[in-house]
């Protein structure tokens, strides 16, 4: 399940000429004959960024927590934006201290500069004192800042309650989420998150909703409970073993496991590569309608 275990077992499996499939998403555990079957975060980053660019978004920002995982995602995001033809405008990092997140989101949206611009404009209009200036001043009464942020989309890494606490900071500090698309790389389809208005219209990368829904229904019909997060991956690996095992010992050879066409799994298409990495075809899912947008070119 974990990368450390996969790396420890891999030499023994290789010595015995046995191919290994691990559920970790640590790409450093991948090697010839050792497949990392967990969902790779960088693949999700690439998927949601490429979809955003295909929809006309060009300027990107990121709001990422500190830590080794954040470091890795920040690097993957910068590469994905560049590869897709976009521009990375800013990346802001923060710790779990609420004051750190507050300060980072202010930096993200140039809050202080835009606030100062608003106050200066109010002062200028007040000094002019003519009817047109008074009307303009009236229109600025309920504004906190002046001008828009310089990006079209922002990546958030949080999930669950942490996401519900972090996402509202954006509009609170004048990042208009009706204009700026929120991007994610985790499943945001839970009922609790659906009640968060800040996320309306957000896009996240995840397994095909249609494929997983079908799997979950079949699983629940048999076991009377909802499947664990790893259940679909375990099912797909077992299905490979069953299909390939029917061909005898040769069915488990690398040439059989790494066929170019890949496999149709319970969370969408996937393909095992010779280097041990596994490509899953992710969907770009709209938070509002939970509608998948997939292209065959992803595999």
C-alpha atoms as a PDB file:
ATOM      1  CA  UNK A   1       0.000   0.000   0.000  1.00  0.00           C
ATOM      2  CA  UNK A   2       2.774   2.456   0.917  1.00  0.00           C
ATOM      3  CA  UNK A   3       5.834   3.479  -1.046  1.00  0.00           C
ATOM      4  CA  UNK A   4       8.328   2.336   1.599  1.00  0.00           C
ATOM      5  CA  UNK A   5       6.821  -1.169   1.576  1.00  0.00           C
ATOM      6  CA  UNK A   6       6.791  -1.306  -2.220  1.00  0.00           C
ATOM      7  CA  UNK A   7      10.462  -0.329  -2.394  1.00  0.00           C
ATOM      8  CA  UNK A   8      11.357  -2.954   0.226  1.00  0.00           C
ATOM      9  CA  UNK A   9       9.477  -5.772  -1.514  1.00  0.00           C
ATOM     10  CA  UNK A  10      10.424  -4.870  -5.102  1.00  0.00           C
ATOM     11  CA  UNK A  11      13.954  -6.422  -5.099  1.00  0.00           C
ATOM     12  CA  UNK A  12      12.586  -9.693  -3.694  1.00  0.00           C
ATOM     13  CA  UNK A  13       9.811  -9.799  -6.280  1.00  0.00           C
ATOM     14  CA  UNK A  14      12.244  -8.996  -9.066  1.00  0.00           C
ATOM     15  CA  UNK A  15      14.622 -11.760  -7.942  1.00  0.00           C
ATOM     16  CA  UNK A  16      11.709 -14.192  -8.104  1.00  0.00           C
ATOM     17  CA  UNK A  17      10.688 -12.852 -11.547  1.00  0.00           C
ATOM     18  CA  UNK A  18       7.351 -11.663 -10.141  1.00  0.00           C
ATOM     19  CA  UNK A  19       5.799  -8.372 -11.232  1.00  0.00           C
ATOM     20  CA  UNK A  20       4.488  -6.196  -8.411  1.00  0.00           C
ATOM     21  CA  UNK A  21       1.503  -3.826  -8.304  1.00  0.00           C
ATOM     22  CA  UNK A  22       1.383  -1.407  -5.354  1.00  0.00           C
ATOM     23  CA  UNK A  23      -1.429   0.950  -4.375  1.00  0.00           C
ATOM     24  CA  UNK A  24       0.940   3.765  -3.395  1.00  0.00           C
ATOM     25  CA  UNK A  25       0.960   7.023  -5.370  1.00  0.00           C
ATOM     26  CA  UNK A  26       4.661   7.620  -4.642  1.00  0.00           C
ATOM     27  CA  UNK A  27       6.197   7.696  -8.103  1.00  0.00           C
ATOM     28  CA  UNK A  28       9.693   7.084  -6.666  1.00  0.00           C
ATOM     29  CA  UNK A  29       8.603   3.495  -5.940  1.00  0.00           C
ATOM     30  CA  UNK A  30       8.024   2.820  -9.648  1.00  0.00           C
ATOM     31  CA  UNK A  31      10.486   0.617 -11.493  1.00  0.00           C
ATOM     32  CA  UNK A  32      10.501  -1.972 -14.240  1.00  0.00           C
ATOM     33  CA  UNK A  33       8.229  -4.710 -12.936  1.00  0.00           C
ATOM     34  CA  UNK A  34       7.004  -2.594  -9.980  1.00  0.00           C
ATOM     35  CA  UNK A  35       3.863  -0.649 -10.848  1.00  0.00           C
ATOM     36  CA  UNK A  36       2.606   2.343  -8.865  1.00  0.00           C
ATOM     37  CA  UNK A  37      -1.144   1.928  -9.214  1.00  0.00           C
ATOM     38  CA  UNK A  38      -2.310   4.784  -6.975  1.00  0.00           C
ATOM     39  CA  UNK A  39      -3.528   8.017  -8.559  1.00  0.00           C
ATOM     40  CA  UNK A  40      -0.520  10.248  -9.265  1.00  0.00           C
ATOM     41  CA  UNK A  41      -1.139  13.864  -8.165  1.00  0.00           C
ATOM     42  CA  UNK A  42       0.886  15.250 -11.083  1.00  0.00           C
ATOM     43  CA  UNK A  43      -1.446  13.533 -13.547  1.00  0.00           C
ATOM     44  CA  UNK A  44      -4.416  15.227 -11.922  1.00  0.00           C
ATOM     45  CA  UNK A  45      -2.646  18.579 -11.995  1.00  0.00           C
ATOM     46  CA  UNK A  46      -1.884  18.187 -15.685  1.00  0.00           C
ATOM     47  CA  UNK A  47      -5.474  17.170 -16.446  1.00  0.00           C
ATOM     48  CA  UNK A  48      -7.225  20.053 -14.713  1.00  0.00           C
ATOM     49  CA  UNK A  49      -4.754  22.621 -16.081  1.00  0.00           C
ATOM     50  CA  UNK A  50      -5.049  21.347 -19.653  1.00  0.00           C
ATOM     51  CA  UNK A  51      -8.822  21.427 -19.393  1.00  0.00           C
ATOM     52  CA  UNK A  52      -8.766  24.993 -18.047  1.00  0.00           C
ATOM     53  CA  UNK A  53      -6.572  26.121 -20.925  1.00  0.00           C
ATOM     54  CA  UNK A  54      -8.858  24.371 -23.411  1.00  0.00           C
ATOM     55  CA  UNK A  55     -11.691  26.477 -21.990  1.00  0.00           C
ATOM     56  CA  UNK A  56      -9.815  29.715 -22.647  1.00  0.00           C
ATOM     57  CA  UNK A  57      -8.109  30.355 -19.293  1.00  0.00           C
ATOM     58  CA  UNK A  58      -4.524  31.557 -19.623  1.00  0.00           C
ATOM     59  CA  UNK A  59      -3.393  33.173 -16.350  1.00  0.00           C
ATOM     60  CA  UNK A  60      -2.945  30.868 -13.356  1.00  0.00           C
ATOM     61  CA  UNK A  61      -2.310  31.215  -9.635  1.00  0.00           C
ATOM     62  CA  UNK A  62      -1.865  28.710  -6.815  1.00  0.00           C
ATOM     63  CA  UNK A  63      -2.718  28.781  -3.104  1.00  0.00           C
ATOM     64  CA  UNK A  64      -0.765  25.868  -1.654  1.00  0.00           C
ATOM     65  CA  UNK A  65       0.029  24.796   1.933  1.00  0.00           C
ATOM     66  CA  UNK A  66       3.626  24.432   3.064  1.00  0.00           C
ATOM     67  CA  UNK A  67       5.256  21.012   3.235  1.00  0.00           C
ATOM     68  CA  UNK A  68       6.889  18.448   0.976  1.00  0.00           C
ATOM     69  CA  UNK A  69       3.635  17.565  -0.776  1.00  0.00           C
ATOM     70  CA  UNK A  70       2.968  21.254  -1.419  1.00  0.00           C
ATOM     71  CA  UNK A  71       6.495  21.650  -2.804  1.00  0.00           C
ATOM     72  CA  UNK A  72       5.909  18.792  -5.206  1.00  0.00           C
ATOM     73  CA  UNK A  73       2.523  20.066  -6.379  1.00  0.00           C
ATOM     74  CA  UNK A  74       3.836  23.612  -6.811  1.00  0.00           C
ATOM     75  CA  UNK A  75       6.556  22.315  -9.142  1.00  0.00           C
ATOM     76  CA  UNK A  76       4.130  20.061 -11.042  1.00  0.00           C
ATOM     77  CA  UNK A  77       1.655  22.930 -11.401  1.00  0.00           C
ATOM     78  CA  UNK A  78       4.257  25.336 -12.757  1.00  0.00           C
ATOM     79  CA  UNK A  79       5.321  22.740 -15.334  1.00  0.00           C
ATOM     80  CA  UNK A  80       1.744  21.866 -16.291  1.00  0.00           C
ATOM     81  CA  UNK A  81       0.819  25.521 -16.806  1.00  0.00           C
ATOM     82  CA  UNK A  82       3.875  26.114 -18.989  1.00  0.00           C
ATOM     83  CA  UNK A  83       3.364  22.934 -21.000  1.00  0.00           C
ATOM     84  CA  UNK A  84      -0.274  23.873 -21.651  1.00  0.00           C
ATOM     85  CA  UNK A  85       0.663  27.343 -22.894  1.00  0.00           C
ATOM     86  CA  UNK A  86      -0.540  29.249 -19.838  1.00  0.00           C
ATOM     87  CA  UNK A  87       1.211  31.765 -17.589  1.00  0.00           C
ATOM     88  CA  UNK A  88       1.801  31.200 -13.865  1.00  0.00           C
ATOM     89  CA  UNK A  89       1.163  34.617 -12.320  1.00  0.00           C
ATOM     90  CA  UNK A  90       1.735  33.838  -8.649  1.00  0.00           C
ATOM     91  CA  UNK A  91       2.040  31.014  -6.128  1.00  0.00           C
ATOM     92  CA  UNK A  92       1.350  31.729  -2.470  1.00  0.00           C
ATOM     93  CA  UNK A  93       2.190  29.275   0.324  1.00  0.00           C
ATOM     94  CA  UNK A  94       0.816  29.113   3.862  1.00  0.00           C
ATOM     95  CA  UNK A  95       1.036  27.095   7.078  1.00  0.00           C
ATOM     96  CA  UNK A  96      -1.845  25.639   9.084  1.00  0.00           C
ATOM     97  CA  UNK A  97      -1.931  28.740  11.265  1.00  0.00           C
ATOM     98  CA  UNK A  98      -5.084  30.698  10.261  1.00  0.00           C
ATOM     99  CA  UNK A  99      -3.153  33.969  10.304  1.00  0.00           C
ATOM    100  CA  UNK A 100      -0.705  32.526   7.776  1.00  0.00           C
ATOM    101  CA  UNK A 101      -3.510  31.601   5.372  1.00  0.00           C
ATOM    102  CA  UNK A 102      -5.052  35.046   5.789  1.00  0.00           C
ATOM    103  CA  UNK A 103      -1.797  36.808   4.999  1.00  0.00           C
ATOM    104  CA  UNK A 104      -1.129  34.511   2.028  1.00  0.00           C
ATOM    105  CA  UNK A 105      -4.548  35.085   0.468  1.00  0.00           C
ATOM    106  CA  UNK A 106      -4.075  38.845   0.798  1.00  0.00           C
ATOM    107  CA  UNK A 107      -0.788  38.504  -1.081  1.00  0.00           C
ATOM    108  CA  UNK A 108      -2.454  36.245  -3.626  1.00  0.00           C
ATOM    109  CA  UNK A 109      -5.044  38.838  -4.581  1.00  0.00           C
ATOM    110  CA  UNK A 110      -2.902  41.985  -4.095  1.00  0.00           C
ATOM    111  CA  UNK A 111      -5.454  42.967  -1.470  1.00  0.00           C
ATOM    112  CA  UNK A 112      -3.497  45.797   0.137  1.00  0.00           C
ATOM    113  CA  UNK A 113      -2.588  47.469  -3.165  1.00  0.00           C
ATOM    114  CA  UNK A 114      -6.158  47.209  -4.458  1.00  0.00           C
ATOM    115  CA  UNK A 115      -7.497  48.501  -1.127  1.00  0.00           C
ATOM    116  CA  UNK A 116      -5.152  51.471  -1.277  1.00  0.00           C
ATOM    117  CA  UNK A 117      -6.227  52.137  -4.870  1.00  0.00           C
ATOM    118  CA  UNK A 118      -9.869  52.222  -3.773  1.00  0.00           C
ATOM    119  CA  UNK A 119      -9.215  54.639  -0.920  1.00  0.00           C
ATOM    120  CA  UNK A 120      -7.209  56.921  -3.221  1.00  0.00           C
ATOM    121  CA  UNK A 121     -10.009  56.902  -5.807  1.00  0.00           C
ATOM    122  CA  UNK A 122     -12.617  57.704  -3.163  1.00  0.00           C
ATOM    123  CA  UNK A 123     -10.525  60.612  -1.957  1.00  0.00           C
ATOM    124  CA  UNK A 124     -10.064  61.915  -5.493  1.00  0.00           C
ATOM    125  CA  UNK A 125     -13.789  61.768  -6.236  1.00  0.00           C
ATOM    126  CA  UNK A 126     -14.681  63.390  -2.943  1.00  0.00           C
ATOM    127  CA  UNK A 127     -12.328  66.270  -3.631  1.00  0.00           C
ATOM    128  CA  UNK A 128     -13.829  66.888  -7.066  1.00  0.00           C
ATOM    129  CA  UNK A 129     -17.307  67.211  -5.591  1.00  0.00           C
ATOM    130  CA  UNK A 130     -19.238  67.460  -8.876  1.00  0.00           C
ATOM    131  CA  UNK A 131     -22.435  65.487  -9.553  1.00  0.00           C
ATOM    132  CA  UNK A 132     -20.746  62.854 -11.710  1.00  0.00           C
ATOM    133  CA  UNK A 133     -18.026  62.300  -9.091  1.00  0.00           C
ATOM    134  CA  UNK A 134     -20.644  61.943  -6.369  1.00  0.00           C
ATOM    135  CA  UNK A 135     -22.446  59.272  -8.395  1.00  0.00           C
ATOM    136  CA  UNK A 136     -19.163  57.437  -8.960  1.00  0.00           C
ATOM    137  CA  UNK A 137     -18.384  57.696  -5.256  1.00  0.00           C
ATOM    138  CA  UNK A 138     -21.793  56.226  -4.456  1.00  0.00           C
ATOM    139  CA  UNK A 139     -21.053  53.225  -6.652  1.00  0.00           C
ATOM    140  CA  UNK A 140     -17.862  52.561  -4.670  1.00  0.00           C
ATOM    141  CA  UNK A 141     -19.558  52.572  -1.261  1.00  0.00           C
ATOM    142  CA  UNK A 142     -19.844  48.811  -0.896  1.00  0.00           C
ATOM    143  CA  UNK A 143     -16.524  47.951  -2.510  1.00  0.00           C
ATOM    144  CA  UNK A 144     -13.479  46.878  -0.503  1.00  0.00           C
ATOM    145  CA  UNK A 145     -10.925  47.085  -3.306  1.00  0.00           C
ATOM    146  CA  UNK A 146     -10.504  48.504  -6.778  1.00  0.00           C
ATOM    147  CA  UNK A 147      -9.654  46.462  -9.867  1.00  0.00           C
ATOM    148  CA  UNK A 148      -9.503  42.742 -10.615  1.00  0.00           C
ATOM    149  CA  UNK A 149      -6.865  40.175  -9.708  1.00  0.00           C
ATOM    150  CA  UNK A 150      -4.355  39.337 -12.482  1.00  0.00           C
ATOM    151  CA  UNK A 151      -5.295  35.666 -12.927  1.00  0.00           C
ATOM    152  CA  UNK A 152      -8.152  33.588 -14.341  1.00  0.00           C
ATOM    153  CA  UNK A 153      -7.818  30.446 -12.210  1.00  0.00           C
ATOM    154  CA  UNK A 154      -6.383  29.430  -8.846  1.00  0.00           C
ATOM    155  CA  UNK A 155      -5.398  25.956  -7.633  1.00  0.00           C
ATOM    156  CA  UNK A 156      -6.449  24.860  -4.127  1.00  0.00           C
ATOM    157  CA  UNK A 157      -5.142  21.633  -2.585  1.00  0.00           C
ATOM    158  CA  UNK A 158      -7.383  21.347   0.445  1.00  0.00           C
ATOM    159  CA  UNK A 159     -10.185  18.820   0.867  1.00  0.00           C
ATOM    160  CA  UNK A 160     -13.039  18.271   3.327  1.00  0.00           C
ATOM    161  CA  UNK A 161     -13.348  20.663   6.247  1.00  0.00           C
ATOM    162  CA  UNK A 162     -10.002  22.295   5.433  1.00  0.00           C
ATOM    163  CA  UNK A 163     -11.353  23.245   2.002  1.00  0.00           C
ATOM    164  CA  UNK A 164     -14.539  24.647   3.530  1.00  0.00           C
ATOM    165  CA  UNK A 165     -12.373  26.806   5.806  1.00  0.00           C
ATOM    166  CA  UNK A 166      -9.922  27.925   3.123  1.00  0.00           C
ATOM    167  CA  UNK A 167     -12.084  28.553   0.030  1.00  0.00           C
ATOM    168  CA  UNK A 168     -14.218  31.351   1.584  1.00  0.00           C
ATOM    169  CA  UNK A 169     -11.059  33.353   2.267  1.00  0.00           C
ATOM    170  CA  UNK A 170     -10.842  34.124  -1.444  1.00  0.00           C
ATOM    171  CA  UNK A 171     -14.060  36.143  -1.827  1.00  0.00           C
ATOM    172  CA  UNK A 172     -13.663  37.572   1.685  1.00  0.00           C
ATOM    173  CA  UNK A 173     -10.427  39.217   0.557  1.00  0.00           C
ATOM    174  CA  UNK A 174     -11.867  40.338  -2.753  1.00  0.00           C
ATOM    175  CA  UNK A 175     -10.908  37.510  -5.106  1.00  0.00           C
ATOM    176  CA  UNK A 176     -14.136  37.248  -7.067  1.00  0.00           C
ATOM    177  CA  UNK A 177     -14.777  33.527  -7.552  1.00  0.00           C
ATOM    178  CA  UNK A 178     -17.501  34.367 -10.068  1.00  0.00           C
ATOM    179  CA  UNK A 179     -14.668  35.518 -12.339  1.00  0.00           C
ATOM    180  CA  UNK A 180     -11.768  33.385 -11.091  1.00  0.00           C
ATOM    181  CA  UNK A 181     -12.135  29.628 -11.573  1.00  0.00           C
ATOM    182  CA  UNK A 182     -11.129  27.468  -8.613  1.00  0.00           C
ATOM    183  CA  UNK A 183      -9.203  24.317  -9.587  1.00  0.00           C
ATOM    184  CA  UNK A 184      -8.629  21.158  -7.549  1.00  0.00           C
ATOM    185  CA  UNK A 185      -7.041  17.729  -7.827  1.00  0.00           C
ATOM    186  CA  UNK A 186      -9.205  15.791  -5.359  1.00  0.00           C
ATOM    187  CA  UNK A 187     -12.783  14.589  -5.345  1.00  0.00           C
ATOM    188  CA  UNK A 188     -14.967  17.485  -4.185  1.00  0.00           C
ATOM    189  CA  UNK A 189     -18.292  15.725  -4.770  1.00  0.00           C
ATOM    190  CA  UNK A 190     -19.219  15.079  -1.124  1.00  0.00           C
ATOM    191  CA  UNK A 191     -22.521  16.490   0.106  1.00  0.00           C
ATOM    192  CA  UNK A 192     -20.770  18.600   2.744  1.00  0.00           C
ATOM    193  CA  UNK A 193     -18.726  20.404   0.095  1.00  0.00           C
ATOM    194  CA  UNK A 194     -21.733  20.928  -2.147  1.00  0.00           C
ATOM    195  CA  UNK A 195     -23.069  23.340   0.466  1.00  0.00           C
ATOM    196  CA  UNK A 196     -20.058  25.647   0.054  1.00  0.00           C
ATOM    197  CA  UNK A 197     -21.107  28.471  -2.321  1.00  0.00           C
ATOM    198  CA  UNK A 198     -17.533  29.620  -2.934  1.00  0.00           C
ATOM    199  CA  UNK A 199     -16.888  26.414  -4.878  1.00  0.00           C
ATOM    200  CA  UNK A 200     -19.755  26.915  -7.313  1.00  0.00           C
ATOM    201  CA  UNK A 201     -18.354  26.418 -10.810  1.00  0.00           C
ATOM    202  CA  UNK A 202     -15.029  24.970  -9.630  1.00  0.00           C
ATOM    203  CA  UNK A 203     -13.294  22.280 -11.692  1.00  0.00           C
ATOM    204  CA  UNK A 204     -11.421  19.337 -10.256  1.00  0.00           C
ATOM    205  CA  UNK A 205      -9.668  16.342 -11.782  1.00  0.00           C
ATOM    206  CA  UNK A 206     -10.839  12.907 -10.748  1.00  0.00           C
ATOM    207  CA  UNK A 207     -11.796   9.456 -11.954  1.00  0.00           C
ATOM    208  CA  UNK A 208     -14.681   9.201 -14.391  1.00  0.00           C
ATOM    209  CA  UNK A 209     -17.843   9.819 -12.332  1.00  0.00           C
ATOM    210  CA  UNK A 210     -19.937   7.607 -14.592  1.00  0.00           C
ATOM    211  CA  UNK A 211     -17.577   4.629 -14.318  1.00  0.00           C
ATOM    212  CA  UNK A 212     -17.155   4.940 -10.557  1.00  0.00           C
ATOM    213  CA  UNK A 213     -20.877   5.398  -9.925  1.00  0.00           C
ATOM    214  CA  UNK A 214     -21.557   2.150 -11.751  1.00  0.00           C
ATOM    215  CA  UNK A 215     -18.879   0.366  -9.691  1.00  0.00           C
ATOM    216  CA  UNK A 216     -20.163   1.815  -6.404  1.00  0.00           C
ATOM    217  CA  UNK A 217     -23.734   0.679  -7.155  1.00  0.00           C
ATOM    218  CA  UNK A 218     -22.599  -2.864  -7.939  1.00  0.00           C
ATOM    219  CA  UNK A 219     -20.390  -2.941  -4.829  1.00  0.00           C
ATOM    220  CA  UNK A 220     -23.190  -1.705  -2.554  1.00  0.00           C
ATOM    221  CA  UNK A 221     -25.618  -4.229  -4.036  1.00  0.00           C
ATOM    222  CA  UNK A 222     -23.302  -7.081  -3.046  1.00  0.00           C
ATOM    223  CA  UNK A 223     -21.822  -5.860   0.260  1.00  0.00           C
ATOM    224  CA  UNK A 224     -24.570  -3.479   1.466  1.00  0.00           C
ATOM    225  CA  UNK A 225     -22.008  -0.742   2.226  1.00  0.00           C
ATOM    226  CA  UNK A 226     -20.289   1.949   0.188  1.00  0.00           C
ATOM    227  CA  UNK A 227     -16.843   1.013  -1.188  1.00  0.00           C
ATOM    228  CA  UNK A 228     -13.628   2.137   0.477  1.00  0.00           C
ATOM    229  CA  UNK A 229     -11.549   4.666  -1.470  1.00  0.00           C
ATOM    230  CA  UNK A 230      -9.124   1.906  -2.544  1.00  0.00           C
ATOM    231  CA  UNK A 231     -11.824  -0.636  -3.388  1.00  0.00           C
ATOM    232  CA  UNK A 232     -12.100   0.364  -7.061  1.00  0.00           C
ATOM    233  CA  UNK A 233      -8.343   0.135  -7.550  1.00  0.00           C
ATOM    234  CA  UNK A 234      -8.240  -3.228  -5.793  1.00  0.00           C
ATOM    235  CA  UNK A 235     -11.071  -4.450  -8.009  1.00  0.00           C
ATOM    236  CA  UNK A 236      -9.253  -3.377 -11.160  1.00  0.00           C
ATOM    237  CA  UNK A 237      -6.003  -5.062 -10.117  1.00  0.00           C
ATOM    238  CA  UNK A 238      -7.876  -8.253  -9.272  1.00  0.00           C
ATOM    239  CA  UNK A 239      -9.630  -8.098 -12.642  1.00  0.00           C
ATOM    240  CA  UNK A 240      -6.253  -7.861 -14.398  1.00  0.00           C
ATOM    241  CA  UNK A 241      -5.019 -10.874 -12.444  1.00  0.00           C
ATOM    242  CA  UNK A 242      -8.132 -12.861 -13.361  1.00  0.00           C
ATOM    243  CA  UNK A 243      -7.972 -12.011 -17.060  1.00  0.00           C
ATOM    244  CA  UNK A 244      -4.229 -12.411 -17.480  1.00  0.00           C
ATOM    245  CA  UNK A 245      -4.102 -15.477 -15.231  1.00  0.00           C
ATOM    246  CA  UNK A 246      -6.400 -17.272 -17.624  1.00  0.00           C
ATOM    247  CA  UNK A 247      -3.579 -17.220 -20.147  1.00  0.00           C
ATOM    248  CA  UNK A 248      -1.175 -19.116 -17.929  1.00  0.00           C
ATOM    249  CA  UNK A 249       2.172 -17.908 -16.610  1.00  0.00           C
ATOM    250  CA  UNK A 250       2.829 -15.895 -19.770  1.00  0.00           C
ATOM    251  CA  UNK A 251      -0.192 -13.747 -19.080  1.00  0.00           C
ATOM    252  CA  UNK A 252       1.682 -11.914 -16.325  1.00  0.00           C
ATOM    253  CA  UNK A 253       4.661 -10.950 -18.471  1.00  0.00           C
ATOM    254  CA  UNK A 254       5.530  -7.274 -18.869  1.00  0.00           C
ATOM    255  CA  UNK A 255       4.470  -7.314 -22.507  1.00  0.00           C
ATOM    256  CA  UNK A 256       0.995  -8.485 -21.470  1.00  0.00           C
ATOM    257  CA  UNK A 257       0.613  -6.040 -18.579  1.00  0.00           C
ATOM    258  CA  UNK A 258       1.840  -3.014 -20.524  1.00  0.00           C
ATOM    259  CA  UNK A 259      -0.303  -3.343 -23.643  1.00  0.00           C
ATOM    260  CA  UNK A 260      -0.620  -0.010 -25.463  1.00  0.00           C
ATOM    261  CA  UNK A 261      -4.420  -0.058 -25.463  1.00  0.00           C
ATOM    262  CA  UNK A 262      -4.575  -0.184 -21.662  1.00  0.00           C
ATOM    263  CA  UNK A 263      -7.552  -1.445 -19.678  1.00  0.00           C
ATOM    264  CA  UNK A 264     -11.112  -0.281 -19.007  1.00  0.00           C
ATOM    265  CA  UNK A 265     -11.330  -0.055 -15.222  1.00  0.00           C
ATOM    266  CA  UNK A 266     -13.984   0.736 -12.645  1.00  0.00           C
ATOM    267  CA  UNK A 267     -12.749   4.339 -12.395  1.00  0.00           C
ATOM    268  CA  UNK A 268     -12.016   4.820 -16.097  1.00  0.00           C
ATOM    269  CA  UNK A 269      -9.307   3.802 -18.535  1.00  0.00           C
ATOM    270  CA  UNK A 270      -5.773   3.121 -17.320  1.00  0.00           C
ATOM    271  CA  UNK A 271      -2.491   1.899 -18.748  1.00  0.00           C
ATOM    272  CA  UNK A 272       0.556   0.276 -17.101  1.00  0.00           C
ATOM    273  CA  UNK A 273       3.832   1.634 -18.465  1.00  0.00           C
ATOM    274  CA  UNK A 274       7.180  -0.085 -18.832  1.00  0.00           C
ATOM    275  CA  UNK A 275       8.759   2.295 -16.294  1.00  0.00           C
ATOM    276  CA  UNK A 276       6.305   1.221 -13.576  1.00  0.00           C
ATOM    277  CA  UNK A 277       4.074   4.290 -13.667  1.00  0.00           C
ATOM    278  CA  UNK A 278       0.363   3.850 -14.329  1.00  0.00           C
ATOM    279  CA  UNK A 279      -1.594   6.369 -16.392  1.00  0.00           C
ATOM    280  CA  UNK A 280      -5.199   6.867 -15.328  1.00  0.00           C
ATOM    281  CA  UNK A 281      -7.483   8.866 -17.584  1.00  0.00           C
ATOM    282  CA  UNK A 282      -8.939  11.529 -15.348  1.00  0.00           C
ATOM    283  CA  UNK A 283     -12.045  13.543 -16.037  1.00  0.00           C
ATOM    284  CA  UNK A 284     -12.368  17.287 -15.517  1.00  0.00           C
ATOM    285  CA  UNK A 285     -15.450  17.539 -13.316  1.00  0.00           C
ATOM    286  CA  UNK A 286     -17.551  20.626 -12.759  1.00  0.00           C
ATOM    287  CA  UNK A 287     -18.317  21.111  -9.069  1.00  0.00           C
ATOM    288  CA  UNK A 288     -21.695  22.649  -9.858  1.00  0.00           C
ATOM    289  CA  UNK A 289     -23.131  19.990 -12.148  1.00  0.00           C
ATOM    290  CA  UNK A 290     -20.685  17.097 -11.544  1.00  0.00           C
ATOM    291  CA  UNK A 291     -20.513  16.628 -15.280  1.00  0.00           C
ATOM    292  CA  UNK A 292     -17.421  14.900 -16.687  1.00  0.00           C
ATOM    293  CA  UNK A 293     -15.502  16.222 -19.667  1.00  0.00           C
ATOM    294  CA  UNK A 294     -13.172  13.548 -21.056  1.00  0.00           C
ATOM    295  CA  UNK A 295     -11.123  13.185 -24.205  1.00  0.00           C
ATOM    296  CA  UNK A 296      -9.634  10.059 -25.714  1.00  0.00           C
ATOM    297  CA  UNK A 297      -6.331  11.882 -26.101  1.00  0.00           C
ATOM    298  CA  UNK A 298      -5.731  11.685 -22.350  1.00  0.00           C
ATOM    299  CA  UNK A 299      -4.433   8.150 -22.561  1.00  0.00           C
END
